[in-house]
Amino acid sequence: MRAANLLRYLLLAVSLFVASTAYAVEPSEMLADQKLEARARVISAGLRCLVCQNQSIDDSNAPLAKDLRVIVRERLVAGDSDDAVRDYLVARYGEFILLKPPLNTGTILLWTATPAILAAALIVVFLRRRRPVRELADELTPEEARKLAELLEKREK
């Protein structure tokens, strides 16, 4: 009984994974020329759906994604290169449309800002953590200072 349930869950997980990799490209959108269609798939796999945001236009069922897939195919049929198609869409929608934006000043700032802020926060926390014990020792009565010294001595041993 337990093995049967495990098998059911495994089959469910596999079917969900397989279903998630299905393309949203409709047969009416596909080009007759297989080479152009393959190029369109490669390009659209690298373009972000502006509605879904974490899906490529190749995977998205959103109407805007369909429109973008059609534009990609129209540009390829018109004779544009892959880079020209990407440049056209970036000019219209900005670099946000690219799932993997190029490395430039803006993206370097995005990638380095978070680790820099985290490092600064850790330094501040570390410095503040050490400071209160010293300041506290100045405000203690002689009795409290003696007890604190004993506790710190035991802690160091």
N, C-alpha and C. Protein backbone atom coordinates (compact mmCIF):
# COMPACT_ATOMS: atom_id res chain seq x y z
N MET A 1 0.83 -1.19 0.00
CA MET A 1 0.00 0.00 0.00
C MET A 1 0.87 1.26 0.00
N ARG A 2 1.91 1.28 0.84
CA ARG A 2 2.79 2.43 0.92
C ARG A 2 3.56 2.62 -0.39
N ALA A 3 4.00 1.51 -0.98
CA ALA A 3 4.73 1.58 -2.24
C ALA A 3 3.83 2.10 -3.36
N ALA A 4 2.56 1.72 -3.32
CA ALA A 4 1.61 2.17 -4.35
C ALA A 4 1.42 3.69 -4.25
N ASN A 5 1.29 4.20 -3.03
CA ASN A 5 1.15 5.66 -2.84
C ASN A 5 2.40 6.39 -3.30
N LEU A 6 3.56 5.84 -2.97
CA LEU A 6 4.81 6.45 -3.39
C LEU A 6 4.91 6.49 -4.91
N LEU A 7 4.49 5.41 -5.57
CA LEU A 7 4.51 5.36 -7.02
C LEU A 7 3.56 6.40 -7.62
N ARG A 8 2.38 6.56 -7.01
CA ARG A 8 1.42 7.57 -7.49
C ARG A 8 2.02 8.98 -7.40
N TYR A 9 2.64 9.28 -6.25
CA TYR A 9 3.24 10.61 -6.08
C TYR A 9 4.39 10.83 -7.06
N LEU A 10 5.16 9.80 -7.30
CA LEU A 10 6.27 9.90 -8.24
C LEU A 10 5.74 10.15 -9.65
N LEU A 11 4.71 9.42 -10.05
CA LEU A 11 4.12 9.63 -11.38
C LEU A 11 3.50 11.02 -11.51
N LEU A 12 2.87 11.50 -10.44
CA LEU A 12 2.31 12.84 -10.45
C LEU A 12 3.41 13.89 -10.62
N ALA A 13 4.50 13.74 -9.87
CA ALA A 13 5.62 14.69 -9.96
C ALA A 13 6.22 14.68 -11.36
N VAL A 14 6.41 13.51 -11.94
CA VAL A 14 6.97 13.42 -13.29
C VAL A 14 6.04 14.05 -14.31
N SER A 15 4.74 13.79 -14.17
CA SER A 15 3.79 14.36 -15.13
C SER A 15 3.73 15.88 -15.03
N LEU A 16 3.84 16.43 -13.81
CA LEU A 16 3.86 17.88 -13.66
C LEU A 16 5.11 18.48 -14.27
N PHE A 17 6.24 17.80 -14.11
CA PHE A 17 7.49 18.28 -14.69
C PHE A 17 7.40 18.27 -16.21
N VAL A 18 6.90 17.20 -16.77
CA VAL A 18 6.78 17.09 -18.22
C VAL A 18 5.81 18.14 -18.75
N ALA A 19 4.71 18.36 -18.04
CA ALA A 19 3.73 19.34 -18.48
C ALA A 19 4.30 20.75 -18.43
N SER A 20 5.19 21.03 -17.49
CA SER A 20 5.74 22.37 -17.37
C SER A 20 6.71 22.72 -18.48
N THR A 21 7.25 21.71 -19.17
CA THR A 21 8.19 21.99 -20.24
C THR A 21 7.51 22.12 -21.60
N ALA A 22 6.20 22.03 -21.64
CA ALA A 22 5.48 22.15 -22.90
C ALA A 22 5.56 23.59 -23.41
N TYR A 23 5.67 23.73 -24.70
CA TYR A 23 5.74 25.05 -25.29
C TYR A 23 4.35 25.62 -25.50
N ALA A 24 4.24 26.93 -25.47
CA ALA A 24 2.95 27.58 -25.68
C ALA A 24 2.77 27.98 -27.14
N VAL A 25 3.74 27.68 -27.98
CA VAL A 25 3.66 28.06 -29.39
C VAL A 25 2.54 27.27 -30.04
N GLU A 26 1.65 28.00 -30.69
CA GLU A 26 0.51 27.37 -31.35
C GLU A 26 0.90 26.98 -32.77
N PRO A 27 0.29 25.93 -33.30
CA PRO A 27 0.62 25.51 -34.67
C PRO A 27 0.44 26.61 -35.71
N SER A 28 -0.54 27.50 -35.49
CA SER A 28 -0.77 28.58 -36.46
C SER A 28 0.38 29.59 -36.49
N GLU A 29 1.17 29.64 -35.43
CA GLU A 29 2.30 30.58 -35.36
C GLU A 29 3.54 30.02 -36.05
N MET A 30 3.64 28.70 -36.13
CA MET A 30 4.87 28.07 -36.61
C MET A 30 5.13 28.38 -38.08
N LEU A 31 6.40 28.52 -38.39
CA LEU A 31 6.82 28.79 -39.76
C LEU A 31 6.98 27.49 -40.53
N ALA A 32 6.75 27.54 -41.84
CA ALA A 32 6.90 26.34 -42.67
C ALA A 32 8.37 25.96 -42.82
N ASP A 33 9.23 26.97 -42.85
CA ASP A 33 10.67 26.72 -42.97
C ASP A 33 11.21 26.28 -41.60
N GLN A 34 11.68 25.06 -41.52
CA GLN A 34 12.14 24.49 -40.25
C GLN A 34 13.35 25.23 -39.68
N LYS A 35 14.23 25.70 -40.54
CA LYS A 35 15.40 26.44 -40.06
C LYS A 35 14.99 27.76 -39.41
N LEU A 36 14.07 28.48 -40.07
CA LEU A 36 13.59 29.73 -39.49
C LEU A 36 12.83 29.47 -38.20
N GLU A 37 12.04 28.40 -38.16
CA GLU A 37 11.29 28.07 -36.95
C GLU A 37 12.24 27.74 -35.80
N ALA A 38 13.31 27.01 -36.10
CA ALA A 38 14.30 26.68 -35.06
C ALA A 38 14.97 27.96 -34.54
N ARG A 39 15.29 28.88 -35.45
CA ARG A 39 15.87 30.17 -35.02
C ARG A 39 14.88 30.94 -34.16
N ALA A 40 13.60 30.94 -34.57
CA ALA A 40 12.57 31.65 -33.80
C ALA A 40 12.45 31.06 -32.40
N ARG A 41 12.54 29.74 -32.29
CA ARG A 41 12.44 29.10 -30.97
C ARG A 41 13.62 29.48 -30.09
N VAL A 42 14.80 29.52 -30.66
CA VAL A 42 15.99 29.90 -29.88
C VAL A 42 15.87 31.34 -29.40
N ILE A 43 15.44 32.23 -30.28
CA ILE A 43 15.29 33.64 -29.91
C ILE A 43 14.21 33.80 -28.85
N SER A 44 13.04 33.20 -29.08
CA SER A 44 11.93 33.40 -28.14
C SER A 44 12.18 32.71 -26.80
N ALA A 45 13.04 31.71 -26.76
CA ALA A 45 13.38 31.09 -25.48
C ALA A 45 14.21 32.03 -24.61
N GLY A 46 14.86 33.02 -25.23
CA GLY A 46 15.68 33.97 -24.48
C GLY A 46 14.99 35.29 -24.19
N LEU A 47 13.71 35.39 -24.56
CA LEU A 47 12.96 36.63 -24.34
C LEU A 47 11.95 36.45 -23.23
N ARG A 48 11.88 37.43 -22.32
CA ARG A 48 10.99 37.37 -21.17
C ARG A 48 9.58 37.77 -21.56
N CYS A 49 8.62 37.02 -21.04
CA CYS A 49 7.22 37.42 -21.18
C CYS A 49 7.00 38.60 -20.23
N LEU A 50 6.55 39.71 -20.75
CA LEU A 50 6.39 40.91 -19.94
C LEU A 50 5.18 40.81 -19.01
N VAL A 51 4.31 39.83 -19.23
CA VAL A 51 3.17 39.61 -18.35
C VAL A 51 3.55 38.64 -17.24
N CYS A 52 4.13 37.51 -17.62
CA CYS A 52 4.49 36.46 -16.64
C CYS A 52 5.79 36.78 -15.92
N GLN A 53 6.71 37.42 -16.59
CA GLN A 53 7.99 37.92 -16.12
C GLN A 53 9.04 36.85 -15.83
N ASN A 54 8.69 35.68 -15.38
CA ASN A 54 9.72 34.66 -15.15
C ASN A 54 9.57 33.50 -16.12
N GLN A 55 8.92 33.75 -17.20
CA GLN A 55 8.78 32.76 -18.27
C GLN A 55 9.26 33.38 -19.56
N SER A 56 9.73 32.51 -20.44
CA SER A 56 10.07 33.01 -21.76
C SER A 56 8.79 33.14 -22.57
N ILE A 57 8.86 33.88 -23.65
CA ILE A 57 7.66 34.02 -24.49
C ILE A 57 7.35 32.69 -25.16
N ASP A 58 8.33 31.82 -25.25
CA ASP A 58 8.13 30.50 -25.84
C ASP A 58 7.26 29.62 -24.93
N ASP A 59 7.32 29.85 -23.62
CA ASP A 59 6.59 29.04 -22.65
C ASP A 59 5.28 29.67 -22.20
N SER A 60 5.07 30.93 -22.49
CA SER A 60 3.92 31.67 -21.95
C SER A 60 2.71 31.61 -22.87
N ASN A 61 1.54 31.51 -22.26
CA ASN A 61 0.28 31.54 -23.01
C ASN A 61 -0.34 32.94 -23.03
N ALA A 62 0.31 33.92 -22.48
CA ALA A 62 -0.24 35.28 -22.42
C ALA A 62 -0.38 35.84 -23.84
N PRO A 63 -1.42 36.63 -24.07
CA PRO A 63 -1.60 37.23 -25.41
C PRO A 63 -0.41 38.06 -25.87
N LEU A 64 0.21 38.79 -24.95
CA LEU A 64 1.38 39.58 -25.33
C LEU A 64 2.53 38.69 -25.78
N ALA A 65 2.70 37.55 -25.11
CA ALA A 65 3.76 36.62 -25.50
C ALA A 65 3.50 36.09 -26.91
N LYS A 66 2.23 35.82 -27.21
CA LYS A 66 1.89 35.36 -28.56
C LYS A 66 2.23 36.45 -29.58
N ASP A 67 1.88 37.70 -29.27
CA ASP A 67 2.20 38.81 -30.17
C ASP A 67 3.70 38.92 -30.39
N LEU A 68 4.48 38.75 -29.32
CA LEU A 68 5.94 38.84 -29.44
C LEU A 68 6.50 37.68 -30.27
N ARG A 69 5.92 36.48 -30.10
CA ARG A 69 6.37 35.34 -30.92
C ARG A 69 6.08 35.60 -32.39
N VAL A 70 4.94 36.19 -32.68
CA VAL A 70 4.59 36.53 -34.06
C VAL A 70 5.57 37.57 -34.62
N ILE A 71 5.90 38.58 -33.82
CA ILE A 71 6.85 39.61 -34.26
C ILE A 71 8.20 38.98 -34.57
N VAL A 72 8.67 38.08 -33.70
CA VAL A 72 9.96 37.41 -33.93
C VAL A 72 9.93 36.69 -35.26
N ARG A 73 8.86 35.95 -35.52
CA ARG A 73 8.77 35.20 -36.78
C ARG A 73 8.65 36.13 -37.99
N GLU A 74 7.91 37.22 -37.85
CA GLU A 74 7.78 38.18 -38.96
C GLU A 74 9.14 38.79 -39.30
N ARG A 75 9.90 39.14 -38.28
CA ARG A 75 11.22 39.75 -38.51
C ARG A 75 12.17 38.75 -39.17
N LEU A 76 12.10 37.49 -38.75
CA LEU A 76 12.96 36.47 -39.36
C LEU A 76 12.59 36.25 -40.82
N VAL A 77 11.29 36.21 -41.13
CA VAL A 77 10.84 36.04 -42.51
C VAL A 77 11.27 37.24 -43.35
N ALA A 78 11.30 38.42 -42.73
CA ALA A 78 11.73 39.63 -43.45
C ALA A 78 13.23 39.64 -43.71
N GLY A 79 13.96 38.69 -43.11
CA GLY A 79 15.39 38.58 -43.39
C GLY A 79 16.30 39.11 -42.30
N ASP A 80 15.76 39.50 -41.15
CA ASP A 80 16.59 40.00 -40.05
C ASP A 80 17.44 38.87 -39.47
N SER A 81 18.61 39.24 -38.97
CA SER A 81 19.45 38.27 -38.25
C SER A 81 18.89 38.10 -36.84
N ASP A 82 19.38 37.09 -36.13
CA ASP A 82 18.93 36.85 -34.75
C ASP A 82 19.20 38.07 -33.88
N ASP A 83 20.39 38.64 -34.02
CA ASP A 83 20.75 39.82 -33.22
C ASP A 83 19.88 41.02 -33.58
N ALA A 84 19.54 41.16 -34.86
CA ALA A 84 18.69 42.28 -35.28
C ALA A 84 17.29 42.14 -34.68
N VAL A 85 16.78 40.92 -34.58
CA VAL A 85 15.47 40.69 -33.98
C VAL A 85 15.51 41.07 -32.50
N ARG A 86 16.56 40.60 -31.79
CA ARG A 86 16.70 40.94 -30.37
C ARG A 86 16.84 42.45 -30.17
N ASP A 87 17.67 43.09 -31.01
CA ASP A 87 17.87 44.54 -30.92
C ASP A 87 16.56 45.29 -31.15
N TYR A 88 15.76 44.82 -32.08
CA TYR A 88 14.47 45.45 -32.36
C TYR A 88 13.57 45.39 -31.13
N LEU A 89 13.51 44.22 -30.49
CA LEU A 89 12.65 44.06 -29.32
C LEU A 89 13.20 44.82 -28.11
N VAL A 90 14.51 44.87 -27.96
CA VAL A 90 15.12 45.64 -26.86
C VAL A 90 14.84 47.13 -27.07
N ALA A 91 14.89 47.59 -28.31
CA ALA A 91 14.60 49.00 -28.58
C ALA A 91 13.16 49.34 -28.22
N ARG A 92 12.25 48.40 -28.41
CA ARG A 92 10.84 48.65 -28.11
C ARG A 92 10.50 48.48 -26.63
N TYR A 93 11.09 47.46 -25.99
CA TYR A 93 10.68 47.09 -24.63
C TYR A 93 11.78 47.25 -23.58
N GLY A 94 12.97 47.57 -23.96
CA GLY A 94 14.07 47.72 -23.01
C GLY A 94 14.75 46.38 -22.74
N GLU A 95 15.87 46.45 -22.02
CA GLU A 95 16.65 45.24 -21.75
C GLU A 95 15.92 44.26 -20.84
N PHE A 96 14.87 44.71 -20.19
CA PHE A 96 14.10 43.83 -19.31
C PHE A 96 13.52 42.64 -20.08
N ILE A 97 13.33 42.80 -21.38
CA ILE A 97 12.75 41.72 -22.17
C ILE A 97 13.72 40.55 -22.33
N LEU A 98 14.99 40.78 -22.11
CA LEU A 98 15.98 39.71 -22.22
C LEU A 98 16.04 38.91 -20.93
N LEU A 99 15.92 37.58 -21.03
CA LEU A 99 16.04 36.75 -19.83
C LEU A 99 17.47 36.75 -19.29
N LYS A 100 18.45 36.92 -20.18
CA LYS A 100 19.85 37.01 -19.77
C LYS A 100 20.42 38.32 -20.32
N PRO A 101 20.25 39.41 -19.56
CA PRO A 101 20.73 40.70 -20.07
C PRO A 101 22.24 40.74 -20.17
N PRO A 102 22.76 41.56 -21.09
CA PRO A 102 24.22 41.65 -21.24
C PRO A 102 24.85 42.33 -20.02
N LEU A 103 26.12 42.05 -19.82
CA LEU A 103 26.85 42.66 -18.71
C LEU A 103 27.24 44.08 -19.09
N ASN A 104 26.72 45.04 -18.34
CA ASN A 104 27.05 46.44 -18.57
C ASN A 104 27.01 47.17 -17.23
N THR A 105 27.16 48.47 -17.24
CA THR A 105 27.24 49.24 -16.00
C THR A 105 26.01 49.03 -15.11
N GLY A 106 24.85 49.06 -15.70
CA GLY A 106 23.61 48.88 -14.92
C GLY A 106 23.49 47.51 -14.30
N THR A 107 23.83 46.47 -15.06
CA THR A 107 23.68 45.12 -14.51
C THR A 107 24.79 44.80 -13.50
N ILE A 108 25.97 45.37 -13.70
CA ILE A 108 27.04 45.16 -12.72
C ILE A 108 26.62 45.75 -11.38
N LEU A 109 26.01 46.93 -11.42
CA LEU A 109 25.53 47.56 -10.20
C LEU A 109 24.48 46.69 -9.51
N LEU A 110 23.58 46.11 -10.30
CA LEU A 110 22.55 45.24 -9.71
C LEU A 110 23.16 44.01 -9.05
N TRP A 111 24.16 43.42 -9.70
CA TRP A 111 24.77 42.20 -9.15
C TRP A 111 25.65 42.48 -7.94
N THR A 112 26.30 43.64 -7.91
CA THR A 112 27.23 43.91 -6.81
C THR A 112 26.60 44.65 -5.63
N ALA A 113 25.49 45.31 -5.85
CA ALA A 113 24.87 46.10 -4.78
C ALA A 113 24.42 45.22 -3.61
N THR A 114 23.77 44.13 -3.89
CA THR A 114 23.26 43.28 -2.82
C THR A 114 24.39 42.71 -1.96
N PRO A 115 25.43 42.09 -2.54
CA PRO A 115 26.52 41.60 -1.68
C PRO A 115 27.22 42.72 -0.91
N ALA A 116 27.36 43.90 -1.53
CA ALA A 116 28.02 45.02 -0.84
C ALA A 116 27.19 45.48 0.36
N ILE A 117 25.89 45.58 0.18
CA ILE A 117 25.01 46.00 1.29
C ILE A 117 25.02 44.95 2.39
N LEU A 118 25.00 43.67 2.02
CA LEU A 118 25.04 42.59 3.00
C LEU A 118 26.36 42.62 3.78
N ALA A 119 27.47 42.82 3.10
CA ALA A 119 28.77 42.89 3.77
C ALA A 119 28.82 44.08 4.73
N ALA A 120 28.31 45.23 4.31
CA ALA A 120 28.30 46.41 5.17
C ALA A 120 27.42 46.16 6.40
N ALA A 121 26.29 45.51 6.21
CA ALA A 121 25.40 45.21 7.34
C ALA A 121 26.07 44.26 8.32
N LEU A 122 26.78 43.26 7.82
CA LEU A 122 27.48 42.32 8.70
C LEU A 122 28.59 43.02 9.49
N ILE A 123 29.29 43.92 8.85
CA ILE A 123 30.34 44.68 9.55
C ILE A 123 29.73 45.53 10.65
N VAL A 124 28.63 46.21 10.35
CA VAL A 124 27.97 47.04 11.36
C VAL A 124 27.49 46.18 12.53
N VAL A 125 26.87 45.05 12.24
CA VAL A 125 26.39 44.16 13.30
C VAL A 125 27.57 43.66 14.14
N PHE A 126 28.66 43.28 13.49
CA PHE A 126 29.83 42.78 14.22
C PHE A 126 30.41 43.86 15.12
N LEU A 127 30.54 45.07 14.61
CA LEU A 127 31.12 46.15 15.41
C LEU A 127 30.19 46.56 16.56
N ARG A 128 28.91 46.58 16.32
CA ARG A 128 27.96 46.94 17.39
C ARG A 128 27.87 45.85 18.45
N ARG A 129 28.08 44.64 18.04
CA ARG A 129 27.99 43.52 18.97
C ARG A 129 29.13 43.57 19.98
N ARG A 130 30.29 44.00 19.55
CA ARG A 130 31.45 44.04 20.44
C ARG A 130 31.46 45.28 21.33
N ARG A 131 30.93 46.37 20.87
CA ARG A 131 31.01 47.65 21.57
C ARG A 131 30.21 47.71 22.88
N PRO A 132 29.02 47.21 22.98
CA PRO A 132 28.22 47.39 24.20
C PRO A 132 28.87 46.82 25.47
N VAL A 133 29.64 45.74 25.37
CA VAL A 133 30.26 45.17 26.57
C VAL A 133 31.25 46.16 27.16
N ARG A 134 32.04 46.80 26.32
CA ARG A 134 33.02 47.76 26.81
C ARG A 134 32.33 48.98 27.42
N GLU A 135 31.30 49.49 26.75
CA GLU A 135 30.58 50.65 27.26
C GLU A 135 29.84 50.31 28.54
N LEU A 136 29.31 49.13 28.62
CA LEU A 136 28.56 48.69 29.78
C LEU A 136 29.48 48.59 31.01
N ALA A 137 30.71 48.17 30.79
CA ALA A 137 31.64 48.02 31.90
C ALA A 137 31.92 49.37 32.56
N ASP A 138 31.89 50.46 31.81
CA ASP A 138 32.12 51.79 32.39
C ASP A 138 30.94 52.25 33.26
N GLU A 139 29.74 51.76 32.99
CA GLU A 139 28.56 52.20 33.72
C GLU A 139 28.22 51.29 34.89
N LEU A 140 28.97 50.23 35.09
CA LEU A 140 28.67 49.27 36.16
C LEU A 140 29.21 49.74 37.51
N THR A 141 28.57 49.26 38.54
CA THR A 141 29.11 49.47 39.89
C THR A 141 30.32 48.57 40.04
N PRO A 142 31.18 48.84 41.02
CA PRO A 142 32.36 47.99 41.21
C PRO A 142 31.98 46.51 41.40
N GLU A 143 30.90 46.24 42.11
CA GLU A 143 30.43 44.86 42.33
C GLU A 143 30.05 44.20 41.00
N GLU A 144 29.28 44.92 40.17
CA GLU A 144 28.85 44.38 38.90
C GLU A 144 30.03 44.18 37.96
N ALA A 145 30.97 45.11 37.99
CA ALA A 145 32.17 45.00 37.15
C ALA A 145 32.98 43.77 37.52
N ARG A 146 33.08 43.47 38.83
CA ARG A 146 33.82 42.30 39.28
C ARG A 146 33.15 41.01 38.79
N LYS A 147 31.79 40.96 38.89
CA LYS A 147 31.05 39.78 38.44
C LYS A 147 31.18 39.61 36.92
N LEU A 148 31.12 40.72 36.21
CA LEU A 148 31.27 40.66 34.76
C LEU A 148 32.65 40.14 34.38
N ALA A 149 33.67 40.61 35.07
CA ALA A 149 35.04 40.16 34.78
C ALA A 149 35.15 38.67 35.03
N GLU A 150 34.53 38.17 36.12
CA GLU A 150 34.57 36.75 36.41
C GLU A 150 33.88 35.94 35.32
N LEU A 151 32.73 36.41 34.88
CA LEU A 151 31.99 35.70 33.82
C LEU A 151 32.77 35.68 32.50
N LEU A 152 33.38 36.81 32.18
CA LEU A 152 34.15 36.86 30.94
C LEU A 152 35.38 35.96 31.03
N GLU A 153 35.97 35.89 32.22
CA GLU A 153 37.13 35.04 32.43
C GLU A 153 36.75 33.57 32.24
N LYS A 154 35.60 33.17 32.80
CA LYS A 154 35.12 31.78 32.64
C LYS A 154 34.81 31.48 31.18
N ARG A 155 34.25 32.43 30.52
CA ARG A 155 33.88 32.24 29.12
C ARG A 155 35.09 32.02 28.23
N GLU A 156 36.19 32.73 28.53
CA GLU A 156 37.40 32.62 27.73
C GLU A 156 38.12 31.29 27.95
N LYS A 157 37.91 30.69 29.11
CA LYS A 157 38.59 29.42 29.41
C LYS A 157 37.99 28.29 28.72
